[in-house]
Amino acid sequence: MAGIENKDEKLIKNLGMAAIEQVKNSVKVGVDLEEGKQNLLMLCVAITFFQYVLTEMQNQAESVKVGDVSVKNNKQELLEMARHLVEHYSQATKKYMKAKFVEFRCV
């Protein structure tokens, strides 16, 4: 993954594998997944992204000011975008799932 620090690459891979397992364990038995495989894959990506955002929110400053220059990190906006992706692909794949299985909360 170009441009990603080694620690982030490992974290993203681990989050991705956990998302894949979560989705695999939630798929209904006997369902033909061929037509929905793209959305299922995107659900895994969305879950990975959401979990990464949650993790990184804890490690980043809300804002940085150096002299007259101030940079604000809008963590909440990024979290909402990630949540929206998960909700979209959860909806797109719900006919393949046993039940609603993804519920994220910020702590």
PDB file of N, CA and C in Angstrom:
ATOM      1  N   MET A   1       0.844  -1.171   0.000  1.00  0.00           N
ATOM      2  CA  MET A   1       0.000   0.000   0.000  1.00  0.00           C
ATOM      3  C   MET A   1       0.894   1.241   0.000  1.00  0.00           C
ATOM      4  N   ALA A   2       0.969   1.907  -1.120  1.00  0.00           N
ATOM      5  CA  ALA A   2       1.834   3.058  -1.272  1.00  0.00           C
ATOM      6  C   ALA A   2       1.370   4.208  -0.383  1.00  0.00           C
ATOM      7  N   GLY A   3       2.329   4.850   0.286  1.00  0.00           N
ATOM      8  CA  GLY A   3       2.019   6.025   1.082  1.00  0.00           C
ATOM      9  C   GLY A   3       1.454   5.741   2.460  1.00  0.00           C
ATOM     10  N   ILE A   4       1.380   4.491   2.859  1.00  0.00           N
ATOM     11  CA  ILE A   4       0.839   4.147   4.172  1.00  0.00           C
ATOM     12  C   ILE A   4       1.993   3.661   5.046  1.00  0.00           C
ATOM     13  N   GLU A   5       2.072   4.218   6.250  1.00  0.00           N
ATOM     14  CA  GLU A   5       3.112   3.798   7.173  1.00  0.00           C
ATOM     15  C   GLU A   5       2.945   2.323   7.503  1.00  0.00           C
ATOM     16  N   ASN A   6       4.059   1.688   7.853  1.00  0.00           N
ATOM     17  CA  ASN A   6       4.066   0.260   8.134  1.00  0.00           C
ATOM     18  C   ASN A   6       3.079  -0.111   9.245  1.00  0.00           C
ATOM     19  N   LYS A   7       3.029   0.689  10.328  1.00  0.00           N
ATOM     20  CA  LYS A   7       2.102   0.375  11.422  1.00  0.00           C
ATOM     21  C   LYS A   7       0.653   0.475  10.961  1.00  0.00           C
ATOM     22  N   ASP A   8       0.366   1.475  10.094  1.00  0.00           N
ATOM     23  CA  ASP A   8      -0.990   1.623   9.577  1.00  0.00           C
ATOM     24  C   ASP A   8      -1.339   0.488   8.631  1.00  0.00           C
ATOM     25  N   GLU A   9      -0.376   0.060   7.835  1.00  0.00           N
ATOM     26  CA  GLU A   9      -0.621  -1.046   6.906  1.00  0.00           C
ATOM     27  C   GLU A   9      -0.999  -2.307   7.673  1.00  0.00           C
ATOM     28  N   LYS A  10      -0.285  -2.597   8.738  1.00  0.00           N
ATOM     29  CA  LYS A  10      -0.599  -3.774   9.556  1.00  0.00           C
ATOM     30  C   LYS A  10      -1.985  -3.639  10.195  1.00  0.00           C
ATOM     31  N   LEU A  11      -2.272  -2.452  10.709  1.00  0.00           N
ATOM     32  CA  LEU A  11      -3.582  -2.218  11.326  1.00  0.00           C
ATOM     33  C   LEU A  11      -4.697  -2.393  10.306  1.00  0.00           C
ATOM     34  N   ILE A  12      -4.535  -1.819   9.129  1.00  0.00           N
ATOM     35  CA  ILE A  12      -5.556  -1.924   8.079  1.00  0.00           C
ATOM     36  C   ILE A  12      -5.753  -3.373   7.649  1.00  0.00           C
ATOM     37  N   LYS A  13      -4.669  -4.113   7.499  1.00  0.00           N
ATOM     38  CA  LYS A  13      -4.788  -5.533   7.138  1.00  0.00           C
ATOM     39  C   LYS A  13      -5.548  -6.305   8.214  1.00  0.00           C
ATOM     40  N   ASN A  14      -5.222  -6.049   9.481  1.00  0.00           N
ATOM     41  CA  ASN A  14      -5.914  -6.742  10.572  1.00  0.00           C
ATOM     42  C   ASN A  14      -7.391  -6.371  10.630  1.00  0.00           C
ATOM     43  N   LEU A  15      -7.681  -5.088  10.463  1.00  0.00           N
ATOM     44  CA  LEU A  15      -9.084  -4.658  10.452  1.00  0.00           C
ATOM     45  C   LEU A  15      -9.831  -5.257   9.264  1.00  0.00           C
ATOM     46  N   GLY A  16      -9.152  -5.329   8.124  1.00  0.00           N
ATOM     47  CA  GLY A  16      -9.762  -5.913   6.927  1.00  0.00           C
ATOM     48  C   GLY A  16     -10.084  -7.387   7.115  1.00  0.00           C
ATOM     49  N   MET A  17      -9.151  -8.122   7.684  1.00  0.00           N
ATOM     50  CA  MET A  17      -9.384  -9.553   7.925  1.00  0.00           C
ATOM     51  C   MET A  17     -10.535  -9.749   8.914  1.00  0.00           C
ATOM     52  N   ALA A  18     -10.604  -8.907   9.932  1.00  0.00           N
ATOM     53  CA  ALA A  18     -11.703  -9.001  10.903  1.00  0.00           C
ATOM     54  C   ALA A  18     -13.037  -8.683  10.226  1.00  0.00           C
ATOM     55  N   ALA A  19     -13.050  -7.697   9.337  1.00  0.00           N
ATOM     56  CA  ALA A  19     -14.284  -7.347   8.620  1.00  0.00           C
ATOM     57  C   ALA A  19     -14.734  -8.497   7.723  1.00  0.00           C
ATOM     58  N   ILE A  20     -13.794  -9.117   7.031  1.00  0.00           N
ATOM     59  CA  ILE A  20     -14.119 -10.263   6.162  1.00  0.00           C
ATOM     60  C   ILE A  20     -14.737 -11.388   6.995  1.00  0.00           C
ATOM     61  N   GLU A  21     -14.141 -11.685   8.135  1.00  0.00           N
ATOM     62  CA  GLU A  21     -14.680 -12.734   9.009  1.00  0.00           C
ATOM     63  C   GLU A  21     -16.076 -12.376   9.503  1.00  0.00           C
ATOM     64  N   GLN A  22     -16.261 -11.116   9.863  1.00  0.00           N
ATOM     65  CA  GLN A  22     -17.564 -10.663  10.348  1.00  0.00           C
ATOM     66  C   GLN A  22     -18.629 -10.848   9.275  1.00  0.00           C
ATOM     67  N   VAL A  23     -18.305 -10.470   8.052  1.00  0.00           N
ATOM     68  CA  VAL A  23     -19.264 -10.606   6.952  1.00  0.00           C
ATOM     69  C   VAL A  23     -19.507 -12.082   6.639  1.00  0.00           C
ATOM     70  N   LYS A  24     -18.441 -12.870   6.550  1.00  0.00           N
ATOM     71  CA  LYS A  24     -18.582 -14.309   6.270  1.00  0.00           C
ATOM     72  C   LYS A  24     -19.495 -14.989   7.289  1.00  0.00           C
ATOM     73  N   ASN A  25     -19.304 -14.654   8.555  1.00  0.00           N
ATOM     74  CA  ASN A  25     -20.086 -15.277   9.625  1.00  0.00           C
ATOM     75  C   ASN A  25     -21.537 -14.820   9.649  1.00  0.00           C
ATOM     76  N   SER A  26     -21.841 -13.755   8.933  1.00  0.00           N
ATOM     77  CA  SER A  26     -23.197 -13.211   8.953  1.00  0.00           C
ATOM     78  C   SER A  26     -24.002 -13.507   7.699  1.00  0.00           C
ATOM     79  N   VAL A  27     -23.388 -14.161   6.715  1.00  0.00           N
ATOM     80  CA  VAL A  27     -24.083 -14.482   5.474  1.00  0.00           C
ATOM     81  C   VAL A  27     -25.020 -15.663   5.703  1.00  0.00           C
ATOM     82  N   LYS A  28     -26.217 -15.564   5.158  1.00  0.00           N
ATOM     83  CA  LYS A  28     -27.194 -16.656   5.261  1.00  0.00           C
ATOM     84  C   LYS A  28     -26.650 -17.904   4.572  1.00  0.00           C
ATOM     85  N   VAL A  29     -26.978 -19.043   5.122  1.00  0.00           N
ATOM     86  CA  VAL A  29     -26.577 -20.322   4.541  1.00  0.00           C
ATOM     87  C   VAL A  29     -27.390 -20.580   3.281  1.00  0.00           C
ATOM     88  N   GLY A  30     -26.733 -21.023   2.220  1.00  0.00           N
ATOM     89  CA  GLY A  30     -27.414 -21.414   0.996  1.00  0.00           C
ATOM     90  C   GLY A  30     -27.776 -20.282   0.062  1.00  0.00           C
ATOM     91  N   VAL A  31     -27.364 -19.070   0.371  1.00  0.00           N
ATOM     92  CA  VAL A  31     -27.681 -17.925  -0.486  1.00  0.00           C
ATOM     93  C   VAL A  31     -26.674 -17.856  -1.628  1.00  0.00           C
ATOM     94  N   ASP A  32     -27.178 -17.598  -2.844  1.00  0.00           N
ATOM     95  CA  ASP A  32     -26.300 -17.423  -4.002  1.00  0.00           C
ATOM     96  C   ASP A  32     -25.709 -16.018  -3.946  1.00  0.00           C
ATOM     97  N   LEU A  33     -24.423 -15.936  -3.707  1.00  0.00           N
ATOM     98  CA  LEU A  33     -23.763 -14.657  -3.489  1.00  0.00           C
ATOM     99  C   LEU A  33     -23.220 -14.019  -4.770  1.00  0.00           C
ATOM    100  N   GLU A  34     -23.326 -14.701  -5.886  1.00  0.00           N
ATOM    101  CA  GLU A  34     -22.689 -14.219  -7.116  1.00  0.00           C
ATOM    102  C   GLU A  34     -23.114 -12.794  -7.473  1.00  0.00           C
ATOM    103  N   GLU A  35     -24.401 -12.508  -7.446  1.00  0.00           N
ATOM    104  CA  GLU A  35     -24.856 -11.178  -7.854  1.00  0.00           C
ATOM    105  C   GLU A  35     -24.510 -10.105  -6.827  1.00  0.00           C
ATOM    106  N   GLY A  36     -24.291 -10.477  -5.583  1.00  0.00           N
ATOM    107  CA  GLY A  36     -24.026  -9.492  -4.543  1.00  0.00           C
ATOM    108  C   GLY A  36     -22.583  -9.421  -4.088  1.00  0.00           C
ATOM    109  N   LYS A  37     -21.695 -10.149  -4.756  1.00  0.00           N
ATOM    110  CA  LYS A  37     -20.324 -10.220  -4.245  1.00  0.00           C
ATOM    111  C   LYS A  37     -19.615  -8.870  -4.244  1.00  0.00           C
ATOM    112  N   GLN A  38     -19.907  -8.006  -5.212  1.00  0.00           N
ATOM    113  CA  GLN A  38     -19.277  -6.684  -5.233  1.00  0.00           C
ATOM    114  C   GLN A  38     -19.718  -5.848  -4.023  1.00  0.00           C
ATOM    115  N   ASN A  39     -21.004  -5.878  -3.719  1.00  0.00           N
ATOM    116  CA  ASN A  39     -21.494  -5.140  -2.553  1.00  0.00           C
ATOM    117  C   ASN A  39     -20.990  -5.733  -1.244  1.00  0.00           C
ATOM    118  N   LEU A  40     -20.858  -7.053  -1.181  1.00  0.00           N
ATOM    119  CA  LEU A  40     -20.305  -7.689   0.011  1.00  0.00           C
ATOM    120  C   LEU A  40     -18.844  -7.293   0.214  1.00  0.00           C
ATOM    121  N   LEU A  41     -18.106  -7.235  -0.871  1.00  0.00           N
ATOM    122  CA  LEU A  41     -16.713  -6.791  -0.802  1.00  0.00           C
ATOM    123  C   LEU A  41     -16.646  -5.338  -0.322  1.00  0.00           C
ATOM    124  N   MET A  42     -17.507  -4.494  -0.876  1.00  0.00           N
ATOM    125  CA  MET A  42     -17.517  -3.090  -0.473  1.00  0.00           C
ATOM    126  C   MET A  42     -17.957  -2.927   0.981  1.00  0.00           C
ATOM    127  N   LEU A  43     -18.817  -3.815   1.470  1.00  0.00           N
ATOM    128  CA  LEU A  43     -19.188  -3.790   2.881  1.00  0.00           C
ATOM    129  C   LEU A  43     -17.957  -4.063   3.743  1.00  0.00           C
ATOM    130  N   CYS A  44     -17.139  -5.023   3.339  1.00  0.00           N
ATOM    131  CA  CYS A  44     -15.896  -5.310   4.074  1.00  0.00           C
ATOM    132  C   CYS A  44     -14.978  -4.088   4.082  1.00  0.00           C
ATOM    133  N   VAL A  45     -14.866  -3.435   2.944  1.00  0.00           N
ATOM    134  CA  VAL A  45     -14.030  -2.231   2.840  1.00  0.00           C
ATOM    135  C   VAL A  45     -14.588  -1.125   3.736  1.00  0.00           C
ATOM    136  N   ALA A  46     -15.898  -0.933   3.702  1.00  0.00           N
ATOM    137  CA  ALA A  46     -16.528   0.115   4.501  1.00  0.00           C
ATOM    138  C   ALA A  46     -16.337  -0.143   5.999  1.00  0.00           C
ATOM    139  N   ILE A  47     -16.495  -1.390   6.426  1.00  0.00           N
ATOM    140  CA  ILE A  47     -16.291  -1.739   7.833  1.00  0.00           C
ATOM    141  C   ILE A  47     -14.838  -1.485   8.228  1.00  0.00           C
ATOM    142  N   THR A  48     -13.924  -1.873   7.367  1.00  0.00           N
ATOM    143  CA  THR A  48     -12.499  -1.652   7.630  1.00  0.00           C
ATOM    144  C   THR A  48     -12.209  -0.159   7.784  1.00  0.00           C
ATOM    145  N   PHE A  49     -12.722   0.643   6.861  1.00  0.00           N
ATOM    146  CA  PHE A  49     -12.511   2.085   6.903  1.00  0.00           C
ATOM    147  C   PHE A  49     -13.098   2.684   8.182  1.00  0.00           C
ATOM    148  N   PHE A  50     -14.301   2.277   8.527  1.00  0.00           N
ATOM    149  CA  PHE A  50     -14.955   2.792   9.729  1.00  0.00           C
ATOM    150  C   PHE A  50     -14.138   2.461  10.976  1.00  0.00           C
ATOM    151  N   GLN A  51     -13.706   1.229  11.084  1.00  0.00           N
ATOM    152  CA  GLN A  51     -12.918   0.818  12.246  1.00  0.00           C
ATOM    153  C   GLN A  51     -11.585   1.569  12.299  1.00  0.00           C
ATOM    154  N   TYR A  52     -10.984   1.804  11.135  1.00  0.00           N
ATOM    155  CA  TYR A  52      -9.732   2.542  11.072  1.00  0.00           C
ATOM    156  C   TYR A  52      -9.946   3.984  11.544  1.00  0.00           C
ATOM    157  N   VAL A  53     -11.012   4.606  11.090  1.00  0.00           N
ATOM    158  CA  VAL A  53     -11.323   5.979  11.514  1.00  0.00           C
ATOM    159  C   VAL A  53     -11.523   6.027  13.027  1.00  0.00           C
ATOM    160  N   LEU A  54     -12.282   5.085  13.571  1.00  0.00           N
ATOM    161  CA  LEU A  54     -12.492   5.042  15.021  1.00  0.00           C
ATOM    162  C   LEU A  54     -11.172   4.911  15.765  1.00  0.00           C
ATOM    163  N   THR A  55     -10.307   4.048  15.287  1.00  0.00           N
ATOM    164  CA  THR A  55      -9.012   3.829  15.926  1.00  0.00           C
ATOM    165  C   THR A  55      -8.145   5.075  15.845  1.00  0.00           C
ATOM    166  N   GLU A  56      -8.080   5.664  14.687  1.00  0.00           N
ATOM    167  CA  GLU A  56      -7.210   6.824  14.489  1.00  0.00           C
ATOM    168  C   GLU A  56      -7.737   8.079  15.167  1.00  0.00           C
ATOM    169  N   MET A  57      -9.028   8.163  15.409  1.00  0.00           N
ATOM    170  CA  MET A  57      -9.588   9.324  16.107  1.00  0.00           C
ATOM    171  C   MET A  57      -8.965   9.482  17.485  1.00  0.00           C
ATOM    172  N   GLN A  58      -8.618   8.393  18.091  1.00  0.00           N
ATOM    173  CA  GLN A  58      -8.035   8.425  19.425  1.00  0.00           C
ATOM    174  C   GLN A  58      -6.592   8.929  19.402  1.00  0.00           C
ATOM    175  N   ASN A  59      -5.922   8.818  18.246  1.00  0.00           N
ATOM    176  CA  ASN A  59      -4.506   9.129  18.158  1.00  0.00           C
ATOM    177  C   ASN A  59      -4.198  10.493  17.552  1.00  0.00           C
ATOM    178  N   GLN A  60      -5.190  11.217  17.096  1.00  0.00           N
ATOM    179  CA  GLN A  60      -4.941  12.477  16.404  1.00  0.00           C
ATOM    180  C   GLN A  60      -5.491  13.655  17.190  1.00  0.00           C
ATOM    181  N   ALA A  61      -4.756  14.738  17.111  1.00  0.00           N
ATOM    182  CA  ALA A  61      -5.184  15.974  17.780  1.00  0.00           C
ATOM    183  C   ALA A  61      -6.389  16.558  17.059  1.00  0.00           C
ATOM    184  N   GLU A  62      -7.232  17.234  17.813  1.00  0.00           N
ATOM    185  CA  GLU A  62      -8.414  17.875  17.233  1.00  0.00           C
ATOM    186  C   GLU A  62      -8.007  19.067  16.376  1.00  0.00           C
ATOM    187  N   SER A  63      -7.005  19.825  16.829  1.00  0.00           N
ATOM    188  CA  SER A  63      -6.516  20.957  16.042  1.00  0.00           C
ATOM    189  C   SER A  63      -5.072  21.255  16.426  1.00  0.00           C
ATOM    190  N   VAL A  64      -4.371  21.904  15.509  1.00  0.00           N
ATOM    191  CA  VAL A  64      -2.978  22.279  15.716  1.00  0.00           C
ATOM    192  C   VAL A  64      -2.834  23.736  15.331  1.00  0.00           C
ATOM    193  N   LYS A  65      -2.154  24.497  16.179  1.00  0.00           N
ATOM    194  CA  LYS A  65      -1.936  25.911  15.879  1.00  0.00           C
ATOM    195  C   LYS A  65      -0.451  26.200  15.996  1.00  0.00           C
ATOM    196  N   VAL A  66       0.109  26.769  14.930  1.00  0.00           N
ATOM    197  CA  VAL A  66       1.506  27.179  14.907  1.00  0.00           C
ATOM    198  C   VAL A  66       1.523  28.634  14.458  1.00  0.00           C
ATOM    199  N   GLY A  67       1.814  29.524  15.374  1.00  0.00           N
ATOM    200  CA  GLY A  67       1.783  30.947  15.051  1.00  0.00           C
ATOM    201  C   GLY A  67       0.377  31.362  14.665  1.00  0.00           C
ATOM    202  N   ASP A  68       0.255  31.952  13.493  1.00  0.00           N
ATOM    203  CA  ASP A  68      -1.048  32.401  13.000  1.00  0.00           C
ATOM    204  C   ASP A  68      -1.804  31.326  12.224  1.00  0.00           C
ATOM    205  N   VAL A  69      -1.154  30.187  11.994  1.00  0.00           N
ATOM    206  CA  VAL A  69      -1.758  29.122  11.197  1.00  0.00           C
ATOM    207  C   VAL A  69      -2.400  28.097  12.120  1.00  0.00           C
ATOM    208  N   SER A  70      -3.663  27.807  11.840  1.00  0.00           N
ATOM    209  CA  SER A  70      -4.409  26.831  12.620  1.00  0.00           C
ATOM    210  C   SER A  70      -5.040  25.812  11.678  1.00  0.00           C
ATOM    211  N   VAL A  71      -4.861  24.542  11.989  1.00  0.00           N
ATOM    212  CA  VAL A  71      -5.445  23.465  11.190  1.00  0.00           C
ATOM    213  C   VAL A  71      -6.359  22.660  12.098  1.00  0.00           C
ATOM    214  N   LYS A  72      -7.588  22.504  11.677  1.00  0.00           N
ATOM    215  CA  LYS A  72      -8.572  21.757  12.462  1.00  0.00           C
ATOM    216  C   LYS A  72      -8.859  20.430  11.779  1.00  0.00           C
ATOM    217  N   ASN A  73      -8.872  19.382  12.556  1.00  0.00           N
ATOM    218  CA  ASN A  73      -9.155  18.033  12.066  1.00  0.00           C
ATOM    219  C   ASN A  73     -10.618  17.732  12.381  1.00  0.00           C
ATOM    220  N   ASN A  74     -11.455  17.651  11.342  1.00  0.00           N
ATOM    221  CA  ASN A  74     -12.875  17.405  11.570  1.00  0.00           C
ATOM    222  C   ASN A  74     -13.128  15.895  11.643  1.00  0.00           C
ATOM    223  N   LYS A  75     -12.838  15.351  12.808  1.00  0.00           N
ATOM    224  CA  LYS A  75     -12.976  13.913  13.022  1.00  0.00           C
ATOM    225  C   LYS A  75     -14.420  13.450  12.875  1.00  0.00           C
ATOM    226  N   GLN A  76     -15.332  14.249  13.379  1.00  0.00           N
ATOM    227  CA  GLN A  76     -16.742  13.850  13.358  1.00  0.00           C
ATOM    228  C   GLN A  76     -17.254  13.722  11.925  1.00  0.00           C
ATOM    229  N   GLU A  77     -16.832  14.616  11.047  1.00  0.00           N
ATOM    230  CA  GLU A  77     -17.260  14.552   9.650  1.00  0.00           C
ATOM    231  C   GLU A  77     -16.742  13.287   8.977  1.00  0.00           C
ATOM    232  N   LEU A  78     -15.484  12.953   9.226  1.00  0.00           N
ATOM    233  CA  LEU A  78     -14.906  11.735   8.659  1.00  0.00           C
ATOM    234  C   LEU A  78     -15.615  10.504   9.199  1.00  0.00           C
ATOM    235  N   LEU A  79     -15.922  10.515  10.487  1.00  0.00           N
ATOM    236  CA  LEU A  79     -16.637   9.393  11.095  1.00  0.00           C
ATOM    237  C   LEU A  79     -18.025   9.232  10.483  1.00  0.00           C
ATOM    238  N   GLU A  80     -18.715  10.329  10.250  1.00  0.00           N
ATOM    239  CA  GLU A  80     -20.048  10.268   9.646  1.00  0.00           C
ATOM    240  C   GLU A  80     -19.985   9.729   8.212  1.00  0.00           C
ATOM    241  N   MET A  81     -18.964  10.122   7.464  1.00  0.00           N
ATOM    242  CA  MET A  81     -18.805   9.587   6.100  1.00  0.00           C
ATOM    243  C   MET A  81     -18.580   8.084   6.150  1.00  0.00           C
ATOM    244  N   ALA A  82     -17.731   7.637   7.064  1.00  0.00           N
ATOM    245  CA  ALA A  82     -17.450   6.206   7.195  1.00  0.00           C
ATOM    246  C   ALA A  82     -18.707   5.451   7.619  1.00  0.00           C
ATOM    247  N   ARG A  83     -19.451   6.013   8.556  1.00  0.00           N
ATOM    248  CA  ARG A  83     -20.702   5.385   9.016  1.00  0.00           C
ATOM    249  C   ARG A  83     -21.705   5.281   7.864  1.00  0.00           C
ATOM    250  N   HIS A  84     -21.781   6.327   7.057  1.00  0.00           N
ATOM    251  CA  HIS A  84     -22.695   6.331   5.910  1.00  0.00           C
ATOM    252  C   HIS A  84     -22.341   5.211   4.923  1.00  0.00           C
ATOM    253  N   LEU A  85     -21.054   5.005   4.676  1.00  0.00           N
ATOM    254  CA  LEU A  85     -20.628   3.916   3.787  1.00  0.00           C
ATOM    255  C   LEU A  85     -21.074   2.561   4.328  1.00  0.00           C
ATOM    256  N   VAL A  86     -20.858   2.337   5.615  1.00  0.00           N
ATOM    257  CA  VAL A  86     -21.261   1.058   6.219  1.00  0.00           C
ATOM    258  C   VAL A  86     -22.767   0.871   6.105  1.00  0.00           C
ATOM    259  N   GLU A  87     -23.515   1.906   6.415  1.00  0.00           N
ATOM    260  CA  GLU A  87     -24.977   1.814   6.332  1.00  0.00           C
ATOM    261  C   GLU A  87     -25.440   1.537   4.902  1.00  0.00           C
ATOM    262  N   HIS A  88     -24.817   2.208   3.930  1.00  0.00           N
ATOM    263  CA  HIS A  88     -25.196   2.007   2.530  1.00  0.00           C
ATOM    264  C   HIS A  88     -24.974   0.556   2.108  1.00  0.00           C
ATOM    265  N   TYR A  89     -23.791   0.027   2.381  1.00  0.00           N
ATOM    266  CA  TYR A  89     -23.500  -1.343   1.943  1.00  0.00           C
ATOM    267  C   TYR A  89     -24.174  -2.395   2.826  1.00  0.00           C
ATOM    268  N   SER A  90     -24.497  -2.052   4.057  1.00  0.00           N
ATOM    269  CA  SER A  90     -25.303  -2.963   4.878  1.00  0.00           C
ATOM    270  C   SER A  90     -26.689  -3.105   4.270  1.00  0.00           C
ATOM    271  N   GLN A  91     -27.234  -1.991   3.819  1.00  0.00           N
ATOM    272  CA  GLN A  91     -28.549  -1.995   3.169  1.00  0.00           C
ATOM    273  C   GLN A  91     -28.490  -2.768   1.845  1.00  0.00           C
ATOM    274  N   ALA A  92     -27.420  -2.546   1.082  1.00  0.00           N
ATOM    275  CA  ALA A  92     -27.280  -3.188  -0.229  1.00  0.00           C
ATOM    276  C   ALA A  92     -27.090  -4.700  -0.123  1.00  0.00           C
ATOM    277  N   THR A  93     -26.636  -5.179   1.031  1.00  0.00           N
ATOM    278  CA  THR A  93     -26.366  -6.612   1.195  1.00  0.00           C
ATOM    279  C   THR A  93     -27.311  -7.302   2.177  1.00  0.00           C
ATOM    280  N   LYS A  94     -28.317  -6.602   2.657  1.00  0.00           N
ATOM    281  CA  LYS A  94     -29.136  -7.174   3.728  1.00  0.00           C
ATOM    282  C   LYS A  94     -29.858  -8.459   3.333  1.00  0.00           C
ATOM    283  N   LYS A  95     -30.155  -8.645   2.041  1.00  0.00           N
ATOM    284  CA  LYS A  95     -30.854  -9.889   1.667  1.00  0.00           C
ATOM    285  C   LYS A  95     -29.947 -11.122   1.773  1.00  0.00           C
ATOM    286  N   TYR A  96     -28.641 -10.907   1.900  1.00  0.00           N
ATOM    287  CA  TYR A  96     -27.703 -12.020   2.046  1.00  0.00           C
ATOM    288  C   TYR A  96     -27.365 -12.319   3.501  1.00  0.00           C
ATOM    289  N   MET A  97     -27.756 -11.425   4.387  1.00  0.00           N
ATOM    290  CA  MET A  97     -27.335 -11.527   5.781  1.00  0.00           C
ATOM    291  C   MET A  97     -28.394 -12.185   6.660  1.00  0.00           C
ATOM    292  N   LYS A  98     -27.927 -12.870   7.695  1.00  0.00           N
ATOM    293  CA  LYS A  98     -28.810 -13.514   8.664  1.00  0.00           C
ATOM    294  C   LYS A  98     -29.651 -12.467   9.383  1.00  0.00           C
ATOM    295  N   ALA A  99     -29.017 -11.390   9.778  1.00  0.00           N
ATOM    296  CA  ALA A  99     -29.696 -10.309  10.499  1.00  0.00           C
ATOM    297  C   ALA A  99     -28.806  -9.082  10.428  1.00  0.00           C
ATOM    298  N   LYS A 100     -29.326  -7.959  10.878  1.00  0.00           N
ATOM    299  CA  LYS A 100     -28.473  -6.775  10.950  1.00  0.00           C
ATOM    300  C   LYS A 100     -27.364  -7.105  11.936  1.00  0.00           C
ATOM    301  N   PHE A 101     -26.152  -7.006  11.484  1.00  0.00           N
ATOM    302  CA  PHE A 101     -25.055  -7.466  12.317  1.00  0.00           C
ATOM    303  C   PHE A 101     -24.049  -6.387  12.660  1.00  0.00           C
ATOM    304  N   VAL A 102     -24.145  -5.231  12.063  1.00  0.00           N
ATOM    305  CA  VAL A 102     -23.148  -4.202  12.295  1.00  0.00           C
ATOM    306  C   VAL A 102     -23.784  -3.030  13.015  1.00  0.00           C
ATOM    307  N   GLU A 103     -23.309  -2.781  14.191  1.00  0.00           N
ATOM    308  CA  GLU A 103     -23.754  -1.601  14.916  1.00  0.00           C
ATOM    309  C   GLU A 103     -22.523  -0.990  15.558  1.00  0.00           C
ATOM    310  N   PHE A 104     -22.165   0.212  15.119  1.00  0.00           N
ATOM    311  CA  PHE A 104     -20.969   0.874  15.633  1.00  0.00           C
ATOM    312  C   PHE A 104     -21.384   2.001  16.544  1.00  0.00           C
ATOM    313  N   ARG A 105     -20.631   2.169  17.590  1.00  0.00           N
ATOM    314  CA  ARG A 105     -20.881   3.269  18.503  1.00  0.00           C
ATOM    315  C   ARG A 105     -19.554   3.928  18.832  1.00  0.00           C
ATOM    316  N   CYS A 106     -19.599   5.215  18.979  1.00  0.00           N
ATOM    317  CA  CYS A 106     -18.411   5.955  19.402  1.00  0.00           C
ATOM    318  C   CYS A 106     -18.391   5.995  20.920  1.00  0.00           C
ATOM    319  N   VAL A 107     -17.213   5.813  21.463  1.00  0.00           N
ATOM    320  CA  VAL A 107     -17.065   5.889  22.911  1.00  0.00           C
ATOM    321  C   VAL A 107     -16.182   7.062  23.281  1.00  0.00           C
TER     322      VAL A 107
END
